[in-house]
Amino acid sequence: MRSRIIALCAVPLFLSLAACGDTWGERAVTGAGIGAGTGLAVGAVAGWPLLAPVLVGTAVGAGIGAATTPKH
């Protein structure tokens, strides 16, 4: 129960970092951080081993962050 409360409190923090950075690299790194945090929260709430959700979240977050780089 405690891990679920911690995860639910951490999600808004991770979402507040969304769209940080202007360059491709900055957005990929911040996206990876957001994805890792989200994967950790989902894994903790679901009761899964934490490594796999973190790795998947990191990869997906980095890809989305890099793909959504604004064109200047």
PDB file of N, CA and C in Angstrom:
ATOM      1  N   MET A   1       0.817  -1.192   0.000  1.00  0.00           N
ATOM      2  CA  MET A   1       0.000   0.000   0.000  1.00  0.00           C
ATOM      3  C   MET A   1       0.862   1.258   0.000  1.00  0.00           C
ATOM      4  N   ARG A   2       1.934   1.206   0.743  1.00  0.00           N
ATOM      5  CA  ARG A   2       2.815   2.369   0.835  1.00  0.00           C
ATOM      6  C   ARG A   2       3.419   2.706  -0.523  1.00  0.00           C
ATOM      7  N   SER A   3       3.838   1.686  -1.294  1.00  0.00           N
ATOM      8  CA  SER A   3       4.432   1.951  -2.611  1.00  0.00           C
ATOM      9  C   SER A   3       3.420   2.568  -3.564  1.00  0.00           C
ATOM     10  N   ARG A   4       2.157   2.207  -3.417  1.00  0.00           N
ATOM     11  CA  ARG A   4       1.120   2.803  -4.268  1.00  0.00           C
ATOM     12  C   ARG A   4       0.935   4.280  -3.957  1.00  0.00           C
ATOM     13  N   ILE A   5       0.965   4.622  -2.704  1.00  0.00           N
ATOM     14  CA  ILE A   5       0.821   6.029  -2.317  1.00  0.00           C
ATOM     15  C   ILE A   5       2.007   6.831  -2.829  1.00  0.00           C
ATOM     16  N   ILE A   6       3.202   6.302  -2.684  1.00  0.00           N
ATOM     17  CA  ILE A   6       4.394   6.995  -3.173  1.00  0.00           C
ATOM     18  C   ILE A   6       4.320   7.165  -4.679  1.00  0.00           C
ATOM     19  N   ALA A   7       3.918   6.127  -5.392  1.00  0.00           N
ATOM     20  CA  ALA A   7       3.815   6.203  -6.849  1.00  0.00           C
ATOM     21  C   ALA A   7       2.799   7.244  -7.279  1.00  0.00           C
ATOM     22  N   LEU A   8       1.660   7.271  -6.616  1.00  0.00           N
ATOM     23  CA  LEU A   8       0.626   8.242  -6.985  1.00  0.00           C
ATOM     24  C   LEU A   8       1.038   9.674  -6.680  1.00  0.00           C
ATOM     25  N   CYS A   9       1.861   9.859  -5.685  1.00  0.00           N
ATOM     26  CA  CYS A   9       2.367  11.200  -5.379  1.00  0.00           C
ATOM     27  C   CYS A   9       3.464  11.626  -6.340  1.00  0.00           C
ATOM     28  N   ALA A  10       4.212  10.677  -6.881  1.00  0.00           N
ATOM     29  CA  ALA A  10       5.327  10.994  -7.763  1.00  0.00           C
ATOM     30  C   ALA A  10       4.887  11.292  -9.189  1.00  0.00           C
ATOM     31  N   VAL A  11       3.768  10.753  -9.629  1.00  0.00           N
ATOM     32  CA  VAL A  11       3.331  10.933 -11.015  1.00  0.00           C
ATOM     33  C   VAL A  11       3.170  12.412 -11.384  1.00  0.00           C
ATOM     34  N   PRO A  12       2.520  13.254 -10.579  1.00  0.00           N
ATOM     35  CA  PRO A  12       2.429  14.673 -10.958  1.00  0.00           C
ATOM     36  C   PRO A  12       3.799  15.343 -11.084  1.00  0.00           C
ATOM     37  N   LEU A  13       4.742  14.933 -10.272  1.00  0.00           N
ATOM     38  CA  LEU A  13       6.088  15.486 -10.374  1.00  0.00           C
ATOM     39  C   LEU A  13       6.700  15.154 -11.726  1.00  0.00           C
ATOM     40  N   PHE A  14       6.559  13.913 -12.159  1.00  0.00           N
ATOM     41  CA  PHE A  14       7.124  13.509 -13.438  1.00  0.00           C
ATOM     42  C   PHE A  14       6.410  14.201 -14.592  1.00  0.00           C
ATOM     43  N   LEU A  15       5.119  14.356 -14.489  1.00  0.00           N
ATOM     44  CA  LEU A  15       4.379  15.018 -15.559  1.00  0.00           C
ATOM     45  C   LEU A  15       4.706  16.500 -15.636  1.00  0.00           C
ATOM     46  N   SER A  16       5.132  17.099 -14.532  1.00  0.00           N
ATOM     47  CA  SER A  16       5.485  18.516 -14.565  1.00  0.00           C
ATOM     48  C   SER A  16       6.749  18.768 -15.381  1.00  0.00           C
ATOM     49  N   LEU A  17       7.529  17.739 -15.629  1.00  0.00           N
ATOM     50  CA  LEU A  17       8.734  17.876 -16.432  1.00  0.00           C
ATOM     51  C   LEU A  17       8.467  17.735 -17.928  1.00  0.00           C
ATOM     52  N   ALA A  18       7.240  17.466 -18.308  1.00  0.00           N
ATOM     53  CA  ALA A  18       6.902  17.232 -19.707  1.00  0.00           C
ATOM     54  C   ALA A  18       7.249  18.450 -20.548  1.00  0.00           C
ATOM     55  N   ALA A  19       7.722  18.196 -21.741  1.00  0.00           N
ATOM     56  CA  ALA A  19       8.042  19.219 -22.732  1.00  0.00           C
ATOM     57  C   ALA A  19       9.205  20.115 -22.312  1.00  0.00           C
ATOM     58  N   CYS A  20      10.090  19.623 -21.474  1.00  0.00           N
ATOM     59  CA  CYS A  20      11.277  20.387 -21.108  1.00  0.00           C
ATOM     60  C   CYS A  20      12.333  20.212 -22.189  1.00  0.00           C
ATOM     61  N   GLY A  21      12.922  21.285 -22.609  1.00  0.00           N
ATOM     62  CA  GLY A  21      13.996  21.244 -23.587  1.00  0.00           C
ATOM     63  C   GLY A  21      13.524  21.673 -24.958  1.00  0.00           C
ATOM     64  N   ASP A  22      14.456  22.248 -25.702  1.00  0.00           N
ATOM     65  CA  ASP A  22      14.137  22.728 -27.045  1.00  0.00           C
ATOM     66  C   ASP A  22      14.826  21.917 -28.127  1.00  0.00           C
ATOM     67  N   THR A  23      15.940  21.302 -27.806  1.00  0.00           N
ATOM     68  CA  THR A  23      16.669  20.544 -28.818  1.00  0.00           C
ATOM     69  C   THR A  23      16.261  19.075 -28.781  1.00  0.00           C
ATOM     70  N   TRP A  24      16.652  18.371 -29.821  1.00  0.00           N
ATOM     71  CA  TRP A  24      16.346  16.947 -29.936  1.00  0.00           C
ATOM     72  C   TRP A  24      16.908  16.180 -28.738  1.00  0.00           C
ATOM     73  N   GLY A  25      18.132  16.444 -28.377  1.00  0.00           N
ATOM     74  CA  GLY A  25      18.779  15.733 -27.274  1.00  0.00           C
ATOM     75  C   GLY A  25      18.156  16.033 -25.930  1.00  0.00           C
ATOM     76  N   GLU A  26      17.856  17.309 -25.679  1.00  0.00           N
ATOM     77  CA  GLU A  26      17.236  17.680 -24.409  1.00  0.00           C
ATOM     78  C   GLU A  26      15.874  17.015 -24.242  1.00  0.00           C
ATOM     79  N   ARG A  27      15.099  17.000 -25.313  1.00  0.00           N
ATOM     80  CA  ARG A  27      13.774  16.395 -25.228  1.00  0.00           C
ATOM     81  C   ARG A  27      13.863  14.889 -25.076  1.00  0.00           C
ATOM     82  N   ALA A  28      14.857  14.270 -25.713  1.00  0.00           N
ATOM     83  CA  ALA A  28      15.031  12.823 -25.551  1.00  0.00           C
ATOM     84  C   ALA A  28      15.405  12.482 -24.111  1.00  0.00           C
ATOM     85  N   VAL A  29      16.284  13.261 -23.514  1.00  0.00           N
ATOM     86  CA  VAL A  29      16.720  12.996 -22.140  1.00  0.00           C
ATOM     87  C   VAL A  29      15.585  13.228 -21.148  1.00  0.00           C
ATOM     88  N   THR A  30      14.870  14.344 -21.285  1.00  0.00           N
ATOM     89  CA  THR A  30      13.774  14.588 -20.355  1.00  0.00           C
ATOM     90  C   THR A  30      12.638  13.590 -20.578  1.00  0.00           C
ATOM     91  N   GLY A  31      12.405  13.215 -21.821  1.00  0.00           N
ATOM     92  CA  GLY A  31      11.400  12.189 -22.091  1.00  0.00           C
ATOM     93  C   GLY A  31      11.783  10.860 -21.469  1.00  0.00           C
ATOM     94  N   ALA A  32      13.063  10.520 -21.538  1.00  0.00           N
ATOM     95  CA  ALA A  32      13.533   9.282 -20.917  1.00  0.00           C
ATOM     96  C   ALA A  32      13.335   9.324 -19.409  1.00  0.00           C
ATOM     97  N   GLY A  33      13.603  10.464 -18.798  1.00  0.00           N
ATOM     98  CA  GLY A  33      13.395  10.599 -17.357  1.00  0.00           C
ATOM     99  C   GLY A  33      11.939  10.472 -16.964  1.00  0.00           C
ATOM    100  N   ILE A  34      11.080  11.109 -17.742  1.00  0.00           N
ATOM    101  CA  ILE A  34       9.646  11.020 -17.472  1.00  0.00           C
ATOM    102  C   ILE A  34       9.170   9.590 -17.667  1.00  0.00           C
ATOM    103  N   GLY A  35       9.630   8.959 -18.728  1.00  0.00           N
ATOM    104  CA  GLY A  35       9.238   7.575 -18.993  1.00  0.00           C
ATOM    105  C   GLY A  35       9.711   6.623 -17.917  1.00  0.00           C
ATOM    106  N   ALA A  36      10.938   6.824 -17.453  1.00  0.00           N
ATOM    107  CA  ALA A  36      11.460   5.961 -16.388  1.00  0.00           C
ATOM    108  C   ALA A  36      10.645   6.124 -15.111  1.00  0.00           C
ATOM    109  N   GLY A  37      10.326   7.355 -14.774  1.00  0.00           N
ATOM    110  CA  GLY A  37       9.520   7.600 -13.583  1.00  0.00           C
ATOM    111  C   GLY A  37       8.122   7.031 -13.699  1.00  0.00           C
ATOM    112  N   THR A  38       7.542   7.180 -14.866  1.00  0.00           N
ATOM    113  CA  THR A  38       6.208   6.643 -15.081  1.00  0.00           C
ATOM    114  C   THR A  38       6.227   5.124 -15.043  1.00  0.00           C
ATOM    115  N   GLY A  39       7.237   4.525 -15.678  1.00  0.00           N
ATOM    116  CA  GLY A  39       7.371   3.065 -15.638  1.00  0.00           C
ATOM    117  C   GLY A  39       7.556   2.561 -14.217  1.00  0.00           C
ATOM    118  N   LEU A  40       8.327   3.272 -13.435  1.00  0.00           N
ATOM    119  CA  LEU A  40       8.526   2.902 -12.042  1.00  0.00           C
ATOM    120  C   LEU A  40       7.219   2.987 -11.263  1.00  0.00           C
ATOM    121  N   ALA A  41       6.469   4.058 -11.489  1.00  0.00           N
ATOM    122  CA  ALA A  41       5.194   4.221 -10.787  1.00  0.00           C
ATOM    123  C   ALA A  41       4.200   3.132 -11.180  1.00  0.00           C
ATOM    124  N   VAL A  42       4.107   2.850 -12.466  1.00  0.00           N
ATOM    125  CA  VAL A  42       3.178   1.815 -12.928  1.00  0.00           C
ATOM    126  C   VAL A  42       3.588   0.449 -12.387  1.00  0.00           C
ATOM    127  N   GLY A  43       4.882   0.156 -12.435  1.00  0.00           N
ATOM    128  CA  GLY A  43       5.367  -1.117 -11.902  1.00  0.00           C
ATOM    129  C   GLY A  43       5.112  -1.263 -10.415  1.00  0.00           C
ATOM    130  N   ALA A  44       5.282  -0.173  -9.673  1.00  0.00           N
ATOM    131  CA  ALA A  44       5.052  -0.223  -8.227  1.00  0.00           C
ATOM    132  C   ALA A  44       3.578  -0.419  -7.905  1.00  0.00           C
ATOM    133  N   VAL A  45       2.728   0.285  -8.620  1.00  0.00           N
ATOM    134  CA  VAL A  45       1.295   0.167  -8.361  1.00  0.00           C
ATOM    135  C   VAL A  45       0.790  -1.218  -8.756  1.00  0.00           C
ATOM    136  N   ALA A  46       1.296  -1.740  -9.869  1.00  0.00           N
ATOM    137  CA  ALA A  46       0.840  -3.048 -10.348  1.00  0.00           C
ATOM    138  C   ALA A  46       1.460  -4.206  -9.588  1.00  0.00           C
ATOM    139  N   GLY A  47       2.526  -3.947  -8.848  1.00  0.00           N
ATOM    140  CA  GLY A  47       3.177  -5.007  -8.089  1.00  0.00           C
ATOM    141  C   GLY A  47       4.127  -5.848  -8.919  1.00  0.00           C
ATOM    142  N   TRP A  48       4.574  -5.311 -10.056  1.00  0.00           N
ATOM    143  CA  TRP A  48       5.503  -6.029 -10.927  1.00  0.00           C
ATOM    144  C   TRP A  48       6.938  -5.817 -10.456  1.00  0.00           C
ATOM    145  N   PRO A  49       7.869  -6.673 -10.912  1.00  0.00           N
ATOM    146  CA  PRO A  49       9.285  -6.350 -10.726  1.00  0.00           C
ATOM    147  C   PRO A  49       9.575  -5.022 -11.431  1.00  0.00           C
ATOM    148  N   LEU A  50      10.380  -4.174 -10.852  1.00  0.00           N
ATOM    149  CA  LEU A  50      10.477  -2.789 -11.314  1.00  0.00           C
ATOM    150  C   LEU A  50      11.406  -2.560 -12.505  1.00  0.00           C
ATOM    151  N   LEU A  51      12.320  -3.457 -12.785  1.00  0.00           N
ATOM    152  CA  LEU A  51      13.304  -3.190 -13.832  1.00  0.00           C
ATOM    153  C   LEU A  51      12.681  -3.107 -15.214  1.00  0.00           C
ATOM    154  N   ALA A  52      11.850  -4.034 -15.582  1.00  0.00           N
ATOM    155  CA  ALA A  52      11.275  -4.051 -16.934  1.00  0.00           C
ATOM    156  C   ALA A  52      10.414  -2.820 -17.215  1.00  0.00           C
ATOM    157  N   PRO A  53       9.494  -2.419 -16.336  1.00  0.00           N
ATOM    158  CA  PRO A  53       8.715  -1.210 -16.628  1.00  0.00           C
ATOM    159  C   PRO A  53       9.578   0.046 -16.739  1.00  0.00           C
ATOM    160  N   VAL A  54      10.638   0.118 -15.944  1.00  0.00           N
ATOM    161  CA  VAL A  54      11.522   1.284 -16.024  1.00  0.00           C
ATOM    162  C   VAL A  54      12.241   1.315 -17.363  1.00  0.00           C
ATOM    163  N   LEU A  55      12.751   0.180 -17.819  1.00  0.00           N
ATOM    164  CA  LEU A  55      13.456   0.147 -19.098  1.00  0.00           C
ATOM    165  C   LEU A  55      12.529   0.461 -20.268  1.00  0.00           C
ATOM    166  N   VAL A  56      11.340  -0.101 -20.248  1.00  0.00           N
ATOM    167  CA  VAL A  56      10.375   0.178 -21.316  1.00  0.00           C
ATOM    168  C   VAL A  56       9.955   1.648 -21.273  1.00  0.00           C
ATOM    169  N   GLY A  57       9.673   2.161 -20.101  1.00  0.00           N
ATOM    170  CA  GLY A  57       9.291   3.561 -19.975  1.00  0.00           C
ATOM    171  C   GLY A  57      10.388   4.504 -20.438  1.00  0.00           C
ATOM    172  N   THR A  58      11.630   4.176 -20.134  1.00  0.00           N
ATOM    173  CA  THR A  58      12.754   5.003 -20.574  1.00  0.00           C
ATOM    174  C   THR A  58      12.852   5.030 -22.088  1.00  0.00           C
ATOM    175  N   ALA A  59      12.761   3.877 -22.716  1.00  0.00           N
ATOM    176  CA  ALA A  59      12.869   3.803 -24.175  1.00  0.00           C
ATOM    177  C   ALA A  59      11.716   4.535 -24.860  1.00  0.00           C
ATOM    178  N   VAL A  60      10.515   4.298 -24.384  1.00  0.00           N
ATOM    179  CA  VAL A  60       9.350   4.950 -24.994  1.00  0.00           C
ATOM    180  C   VAL A  60       9.397   6.458 -24.762  1.00  0.00           C
ATOM    181  N   GLY A  61       9.732   6.873 -23.562  1.00  0.00           N
ATOM    182  CA  GLY A  61       9.812   8.301 -23.261  1.00  0.00           C
ATOM    183  C   GLY A  61      10.868   9.013 -24.080  1.00  0.00           C
ATOM    184  N   ALA A  62      12.029   8.397 -24.254  1.00  0.00           N
ATOM    185  CA  ALA A  62      13.080   9.010 -25.070  1.00  0.00           C
ATOM    186  C   ALA A  62      12.636   9.118 -26.523  1.00  0.00           C
ATOM    187  N   GLY A  63      11.996   8.095 -27.021  1.00  0.00           N
ATOM    188  CA  GLY A  63      11.515   8.130 -28.409  1.00  0.00           C
ATOM    189  C   GLY A  63      10.465   9.197 -28.627  1.00  0.00           C
ATOM    190  N   ILE A  64       9.518   9.282 -27.711  1.00  0.00           N
ATOM    191  CA  ILE A  64       8.472  10.296 -27.851  1.00  0.00           C
ATOM    192  C   ILE A  64       9.051  11.697 -27.692  1.00  0.00           C
ATOM    193  N   GLY A  65       9.939  11.872 -26.735  1.00  0.00           N
ATOM    194  CA  GLY A  65      10.559  13.183 -26.549  1.00  0.00           C
ATOM    195  C   GLY A  65      11.337  13.621 -27.768  1.00  0.00           C
ATOM    196  N   ALA A  66      12.094  12.717 -28.370  1.00  0.00           N
ATOM    197  CA  ALA A  66      12.869  13.064 -29.561  1.00  0.00           C
ATOM    198  C   ALA A  66      11.958  13.308 -30.763  1.00  0.00           C
ATOM    199  N   ALA A  67      10.896  12.525 -30.857  1.00  0.00           N
ATOM    200  CA  ALA A  67       9.995  12.660 -32.015  1.00  0.00           C
ATOM    201  C   ALA A  67       9.149  13.925 -31.965  1.00  0.00           C
ATOM    202  N   THR A  68       8.951  14.479 -30.794  1.00  0.00           N
ATOM    203  CA  THR A  68       8.102  15.660 -30.678  1.00  0.00           C
ATOM    204  C   THR A  68       8.890  16.951 -30.565  1.00  0.00           C
ATOM    205  N   THR A  69      10.123  16.945 -31.017  1.00  0.00           N
ATOM    206  CA  THR A  69      10.939  18.151 -31.000  1.00  0.00           C
ATOM    207  C   THR A  69      10.335  19.172 -31.937  1.00  0.00           C
ATOM    208  N   PRO A  70      10.111  20.403 -31.455  1.00  0.00           N
ATOM    209  CA  PRO A  70       9.524  21.423 -32.332  1.00  0.00           C
ATOM    210  C   PRO A  70      10.490  21.801 -33.450  1.00  0.00           C
ATOM    211  N   LYS A  71       9.935  22.078 -34.595  1.00  0.00           N
ATOM    212  CA  LYS A  71      10.748  22.532 -35.729  1.00  0.00           C
ATOM    213  C   LYS A  71      10.933  24.035 -35.635  1.00  0.00           C
ATOM    214  N   HIS A  72      12.195  24.475 -35.609  1.00  0.00           N
ATOM    215  CA  HIS A  72      12.467  25.918 -35.516  1.00  0.00           C
ATOM    216  C   HIS A  72      12.836  26.454 -36.876  1.00  0.00           C
TER     217      HIS A  72
END
